[in-house]
Structure formats: C-alpha cells, structure tokens
C-alpha cells in the first residue's frame, strides 16, 4: 500500500469513529422517554461484552471442549449466586485440568 491509501484509510477510520460518537449527541437533545429505546440502550454494553467474551472463552483454550465445559460450569456457578472471583477461579481450574488431561 502506498502512503496516500494509508492516509485515506486512517481518515475514514477517524471519521467513522467520531460520527458514531457525535451523531447521537447532535440528533438527540432531550431525555429519551421511550421505554423500549431506553431498555435497548441499557443492555447494549452487556451485549457488546458478551459478543467479545464468549468466542474467546472457547477459542483461547487448547481444546474448544474445555472452554465449553468451563463456560457451562461457570453459568451453573453464577446461577448458584457465586461471586465473580470464585466463578473465574472455578472456570480456570476446569480449563487447566481438562487441558492437562487431554
């Protein structure tokens, strides 16, 4: 790639990133009163985090099976109301044990 193409790509990335941040402030001036829109905006960070986290849970282990098993056990541990640290420790231990056995 030549320098001109690289500069154009960088400028397009800057414009795209800033428009995503600036347009909502320009278009929405008052408080959002629609409960469906508010509900959607409330859950966007959680969905984004889940979309980034779940594939890496399965793909970063030595075998995808150990990642899936750790994910399932982690979900069960969360349903039993364990905290973040115990769930993370349990999942790490499961992945370690399964990867060392396989």
N, C-alpha and C. Protein backbone atom coordinates (compact mmCIF):
# COMPACT_ATOMS: atom_id res chain seq x y z
N UNK A 1 0.84 -1.18 0.00
CA UNK A 1 0.00 0.00 0.00
C UNK A 1 0.89 1.24 0.00
N UNK A 2 0.46 2.21 -0.74
CA UNK A 2 1.22 3.46 -0.77
C UNK A 2 0.73 4.39 0.35
N UNK A 3 1.46 5.47 0.57
CA UNK A 3 1.15 6.38 1.67
C UNK A 3 -0.21 7.04 1.53
N UNK A 4 -0.61 7.34 0.30
CA UNK A 4 -1.90 8.00 0.07
C UNK A 4 -3.06 7.10 0.51
N UNK A 5 -2.98 5.83 0.18
CA UNK A 5 -4.03 4.89 0.57
C UNK A 5 -4.09 4.73 2.08
N UNK A 6 -2.94 4.67 2.71
CA UNK A 6 -2.90 4.53 4.17
C UNK A 6 -3.52 5.75 4.83
N UNK A 7 -3.20 6.93 4.36
CA UNK A 7 -3.76 8.17 4.93
C UNK A 7 -5.27 8.21 4.74
N UNK A 8 -5.76 7.81 3.57
CA UNK A 8 -7.20 7.79 3.32
C UNK A 8 -7.89 6.80 4.26
N UNK A 9 -7.31 5.63 4.46
CA UNK A 9 -7.88 4.64 5.37
C UNK A 9 -7.92 5.16 6.81
N UNK A 10 -6.87 5.81 7.24
CA UNK A 10 -6.83 6.37 8.59
C UNK A 10 -7.88 7.46 8.75
N UNK A 11 -8.02 8.34 7.75
CA UNK A 11 -9.03 9.40 7.83
C UNK A 11 -10.44 8.83 7.85
N UNK A 12 -10.70 7.81 7.05
CA UNK A 12 -12.02 7.17 7.06
C UNK A 12 -12.31 6.53 8.42
N UNK A 13 -11.30 5.93 9.03
CA UNK A 13 -11.48 5.35 10.35
C UNK A 13 -11.78 6.42 11.40
N UNK A 14 -11.08 7.55 11.30
CA UNK A 14 -11.32 8.66 12.23
C UNK A 14 -12.73 9.20 12.07
N UNK A 15 -13.15 9.42 10.83
CA UNK A 15 -14.49 9.96 10.56
C UNK A 15 -15.56 9.01 11.05
N UNK A 16 -15.41 7.72 10.75
CA UNK A 16 -16.40 6.73 11.16
C UNK A 16 -16.51 6.66 12.68
N UNK A 17 -15.38 6.60 13.36
CA UNK A 17 -15.39 6.50 14.81
C UNK A 17 -16.00 7.75 15.45
N UNK A 18 -15.67 8.91 14.95
CA UNK A 18 -16.21 10.13 15.53
C UNK A 18 -17.68 10.33 15.21
N UNK A 19 -18.12 9.91 14.05
CA UNK A 19 -19.55 10.07 13.71
C UNK A 19 -20.42 9.19 14.61
N UNK A 20 -19.92 8.02 14.97
CA UNK A 20 -20.67 7.15 15.88
C UNK A 20 -20.84 7.83 17.23
N UNK A 21 -19.88 8.61 17.65
CA UNK A 21 -19.95 9.28 18.95
C UNK A 21 -20.66 10.63 18.89
N UNK A 22 -20.52 11.35 17.78
CA UNK A 22 -21.05 12.71 17.70
C UNK A 22 -22.51 12.74 17.27
N UNK A 23 -22.89 11.88 16.34
CA UNK A 23 -24.27 11.92 15.82
C UNK A 23 -25.34 11.77 16.89
N UNK A 24 -25.23 10.84 17.83
CA UNK A 24 -26.27 10.77 18.87
C UNK A 24 -26.40 12.06 19.68
N UNK A 25 -25.28 12.73 19.94
CA UNK A 25 -25.35 13.98 20.70
C UNK A 25 -26.00 15.09 19.89
N UNK A 26 -25.82 15.06 18.58
CA UNK A 26 -26.42 16.09 17.73
C UNK A 26 -27.90 15.83 17.46
N UNK A 27 -28.27 14.57 17.33
CA UNK A 27 -29.64 14.24 16.95
C UNK A 27 -30.58 14.13 18.14
N UNK A 28 -30.08 13.70 19.29
CA UNK A 28 -30.93 13.52 20.47
C UNK A 28 -30.56 14.58 21.49
N UNK A 29 -31.41 15.56 21.65
CA UNK A 29 -31.09 16.68 22.55
C UNK A 29 -31.67 16.49 23.95
N UNK A 30 -32.88 15.98 24.05
CA UNK A 30 -33.52 15.84 25.35
C UNK A 30 -33.35 14.45 25.92
N UNK A 31 -34.05 14.22 27.02
CA UNK A 31 -34.01 12.91 27.65
C UNK A 31 -34.83 11.92 26.82
N UNK A 32 -34.36 10.70 26.71
CA UNK A 32 -35.06 9.67 25.95
C UNK A 32 -36.18 9.13 26.84
N UNK A 33 -37.42 9.29 26.37
CA UNK A 33 -38.56 8.87 27.19
C UNK A 33 -39.17 7.55 26.72
N UNK A 34 -38.84 7.08 25.54
CA UNK A 34 -39.37 5.82 25.05
C UNK A 34 -38.75 4.67 25.84
N UNK A 35 -39.59 3.86 26.47
CA UNK A 35 -39.06 2.82 27.34
C UNK A 35 -38.36 1.71 26.58
N UNK A 36 -38.75 1.45 25.33
CA UNK A 36 -38.10 0.42 24.54
C UNK A 36 -36.69 0.87 24.12
N UNK A 37 -36.55 2.11 23.75
CA UNK A 37 -35.23 2.64 23.38
C UNK A 37 -34.33 2.67 24.61
N UNK A 38 -34.88 3.09 25.75
CA UNK A 38 -34.09 3.13 26.99
C UNK A 38 -33.65 1.73 27.39
N UNK A 39 -34.56 0.76 27.25
CA UNK A 39 -34.22 -0.63 27.57
C UNK A 39 -33.13 -1.15 26.64
N UNK A 40 -33.24 -0.83 25.35
CA UNK A 40 -32.23 -1.24 24.37
C UNK A 40 -30.88 -0.64 24.73
N UNK A 41 -30.84 0.64 25.03
CA UNK A 41 -29.58 1.31 25.35
C UNK A 41 -28.99 0.81 26.67
N UNK A 42 -29.85 0.36 27.58
CA UNK A 42 -29.37 -0.17 28.85
C UNK A 42 -28.57 -1.46 28.65
N UNK A 43 -29.05 -2.32 27.73
CA UNK A 43 -28.42 -3.64 27.55
C UNK A 43 -27.30 -3.66 26.51
N UNK A 44 -27.08 -2.60 25.78
CA UNK A 44 -26.04 -2.58 24.74
C UNK A 44 -24.64 -2.89 25.31
N UNK A 45 -24.21 -2.32 26.44
CA UNK A 45 -22.86 -2.66 26.94
C UNK A 45 -22.72 -4.13 27.30
N UNK A 46 -23.78 -4.73 27.86
CA UNK A 46 -23.71 -6.14 28.24
C UNK A 46 -23.62 -7.04 27.01
N UNK A 47 -24.37 -6.71 25.99
CA UNK A 47 -24.33 -7.50 24.75
C UNK A 47 -22.97 -7.37 24.09
N UNK A 48 -22.44 -6.18 24.07
CA UNK A 48 -21.12 -5.96 23.47
C UNK A 48 -20.05 -6.76 24.20
N UNK A 49 -20.09 -6.74 25.52
CA UNK A 49 -19.13 -7.50 26.30
C UNK A 49 -19.28 -8.99 26.05
N UNK A 50 -20.52 -9.47 25.97
CA UNK A 50 -20.75 -10.90 25.72
C UNK A 50 -20.27 -11.31 24.35
N UNK A 51 -20.50 -10.48 23.35
CA UNK A 51 -20.07 -10.80 21.99
C UNK A 51 -18.54 -10.88 21.91
N UNK A 52 -17.85 -10.06 22.68
CA UNK A 52 -16.39 -10.11 22.66
C UNK A 52 -15.85 -11.24 23.52
N UNK A 53 -16.55 -11.60 24.60
CA UNK A 53 -16.03 -12.56 25.56
C UNK A 53 -16.28 -14.00 25.19
N UNK A 54 -17.51 -14.34 24.79
CA UNK A 54 -17.86 -15.74 24.58
C UNK A 54 -17.03 -16.44 23.52
N UNK A 55 -16.76 -15.84 22.36
CA UNK A 55 -15.90 -16.57 21.40
C UNK A 55 -14.48 -16.80 21.94
N UNK A 56 -13.96 -15.86 22.69
CA UNK A 56 -12.60 -16.05 23.20
C UNK A 56 -12.55 -17.10 24.30
N UNK A 57 -13.65 -17.32 25.01
CA UNK A 57 -13.68 -18.37 26.03
C UNK A 57 -13.42 -19.72 25.38
N UNK A 58 -14.00 -19.95 24.24
CA UNK A 58 -13.87 -21.24 23.56
C UNK A 58 -12.59 -21.34 22.75
N UNK A 59 -12.16 -20.25 22.14
CA UNK A 59 -11.04 -20.31 21.20
C UNK A 59 -9.67 -20.18 21.83
N UNK A 60 -9.55 -19.69 23.05
CA UNK A 60 -8.22 -19.48 23.63
C UNK A 60 -7.70 -20.68 24.39
N UNK A 61 -8.52 -21.68 24.61
CA UNK A 61 -8.05 -22.87 25.31
C UNK A 61 -7.39 -23.82 24.33
N UNK A 62 -6.69 -24.82 24.86
CA UNK A 62 -6.02 -25.78 23.98
C UNK A 62 -7.03 -26.60 23.17
N UNK A 63 -8.15 -26.90 23.78
CA UNK A 63 -9.20 -27.60 23.04
C UNK A 63 -10.52 -26.85 23.30
N UNK A 64 -11.33 -26.68 22.28
CA UNK A 64 -12.60 -25.98 22.47
C UNK A 64 -13.52 -26.66 23.49
N UNK A 65 -13.37 -27.97 23.65
CA UNK A 65 -14.21 -28.69 24.61
C UNK A 65 -14.00 -28.18 26.03
N UNK A 66 -12.75 -27.93 26.41
CA UNK A 66 -12.50 -27.44 27.77
C UNK A 66 -13.09 -26.05 27.98
N UNK A 67 -13.08 -25.22 26.94
CA UNK A 67 -13.70 -23.90 27.05
C UNK A 67 -15.20 -23.98 27.19
N UNK A 68 -15.83 -24.89 26.44
CA UNK A 68 -17.29 -25.05 26.52
C UNK A 68 -17.69 -25.60 27.89
N UNK A 69 -16.93 -26.59 28.40
CA UNK A 69 -17.24 -27.16 29.72
C UNK A 69 -17.06 -26.09 30.80
N UNK A 70 -15.99 -25.32 30.73
CA UNK A 70 -15.78 -24.26 31.72
C UNK A 70 -16.89 -23.21 31.64
N UNK A 71 -17.34 -22.89 30.43
CA UNK A 71 -18.44 -21.94 30.27
C UNK A 71 -19.71 -22.47 30.91
N UNK A 72 -20.02 -23.75 30.67
CA UNK A 72 -21.23 -24.35 31.25
C UNK A 72 -21.16 -24.38 32.77
N UNK A 73 -20.01 -24.77 33.30
CA UNK A 73 -19.86 -24.81 34.76
C UNK A 73 -19.90 -23.39 35.34
N UNK A 74 -19.33 -22.44 34.62
CA UNK A 74 -19.40 -21.05 35.07
C UNK A 74 -20.82 -20.52 35.12
N UNK A 75 -21.62 -20.88 34.12
CA UNK A 75 -23.03 -20.46 34.13
C UNK A 75 -23.77 -21.08 35.30
N UNK A 76 -23.51 -22.36 35.58
CA UNK A 76 -24.14 -23.01 36.74
C UNK A 76 -23.69 -22.35 38.04
N UNK A 77 -22.42 -22.00 38.13
CA UNK A 77 -21.91 -21.35 39.34
C UNK A 77 -22.54 -19.97 39.54
N UNK A 78 -22.77 -19.26 38.45
CA UNK A 78 -23.43 -17.95 38.55
C UNK A 78 -24.88 -18.12 39.00
N UNK A 79 -25.55 -19.14 38.48
CA UNK A 79 -26.94 -19.39 38.91
C UNK A 79 -27.01 -19.73 40.40
N UNK A 80 -25.93 -20.29 40.94
CA UNK A 80 -25.89 -20.59 42.36
C UNK A 80 -25.42 -19.39 43.18
N UNK A 81 -25.35 -18.24 42.52
CA UNK A 81 -25.04 -16.95 43.13
C UNK A 81 -23.63 -16.84 43.71
N UNK A 82 -22.68 -17.49 43.06
CA UNK A 82 -21.28 -17.29 43.45
C UNK A 82 -20.80 -15.97 42.86
N UNK A 83 -19.79 -15.40 43.46
CA UNK A 83 -19.26 -14.12 43.01
C UNK A 83 -18.36 -14.27 41.80
N UNK A 84 -17.86 -13.14 41.33
CA UNK A 84 -17.02 -13.11 40.14
C UNK A 84 -15.71 -13.88 40.34
N UNK A 85 -15.04 -13.67 41.46
CA UNK A 85 -13.76 -14.34 41.68
C UNK A 85 -13.91 -15.85 41.79
N UNK A 86 -14.86 -16.38 42.58
CA UNK A 86 -14.99 -17.84 42.64
C UNK A 86 -15.35 -18.46 41.28
N UNK A 87 -16.22 -17.80 40.52
CA UNK A 87 -16.58 -18.33 39.21
C UNK A 87 -15.37 -18.35 38.28
N UNK A 88 -14.59 -17.27 38.28
CA UNK A 88 -13.39 -17.22 37.44
C UNK A 88 -12.38 -18.28 37.87
N UNK A 89 -12.21 -18.48 39.18
CA UNK A 89 -11.27 -19.48 39.67
C UNK A 89 -11.71 -20.88 39.29
N UNK A 90 -12.99 -21.16 39.42
CA UNK A 90 -13.52 -22.48 39.06
C UNK A 90 -13.33 -22.73 37.56
N UNK A 91 -13.65 -21.76 36.75
CA UNK A 91 -13.52 -21.92 35.30
C UNK A 91 -12.05 -22.11 34.91
N UNK A 92 -11.16 -21.35 35.51
CA UNK A 92 -9.73 -21.51 35.21
C UNK A 92 -9.24 -22.88 35.62
N UNK A 93 -9.69 -23.35 36.78
CA UNK A 93 -9.27 -24.67 37.25
C UNK A 93 -9.77 -25.77 36.31
N UNK A 94 -11.01 -25.63 35.84
CA UNK A 94 -11.56 -26.63 34.92
C UNK A 94 -10.78 -26.65 33.62
N UNK A 95 -10.49 -25.49 33.08
CA UNK A 95 -9.72 -25.44 31.83
C UNK A 95 -8.32 -26.02 32.05
N UNK A 96 -7.69 -25.68 33.14
CA UNK A 96 -6.35 -26.21 33.42
C UNK A 96 -6.37 -27.73 33.53
N UNK A 97 -7.32 -28.25 34.30
CA UNK A 97 -7.39 -29.70 34.50
C UNK A 97 -7.72 -30.42 33.19
N UNK A 98 -8.68 -29.91 32.44
CA UNK A 98 -9.05 -30.58 31.21
C UNK A 98 -7.94 -30.51 30.16
N UNK A 99 -7.25 -29.38 30.09
CA UNK A 99 -6.16 -29.26 29.12
C UNK A 99 -4.95 -30.10 29.51
N UNK A 100 -4.72 -30.27 30.82
CA UNK A 100 -3.59 -31.10 31.23
C UNK A 100 -3.88 -32.58 31.07
N UNK A 101 -5.14 -32.97 31.15
CA UNK A 101 -5.52 -34.37 30.96
C UNK A 101 -5.52 -34.74 29.48
N UNK A 102 -5.97 -33.83 28.64
CA UNK A 102 -6.09 -34.13 27.20
C UNK A 102 -4.78 -34.11 26.50
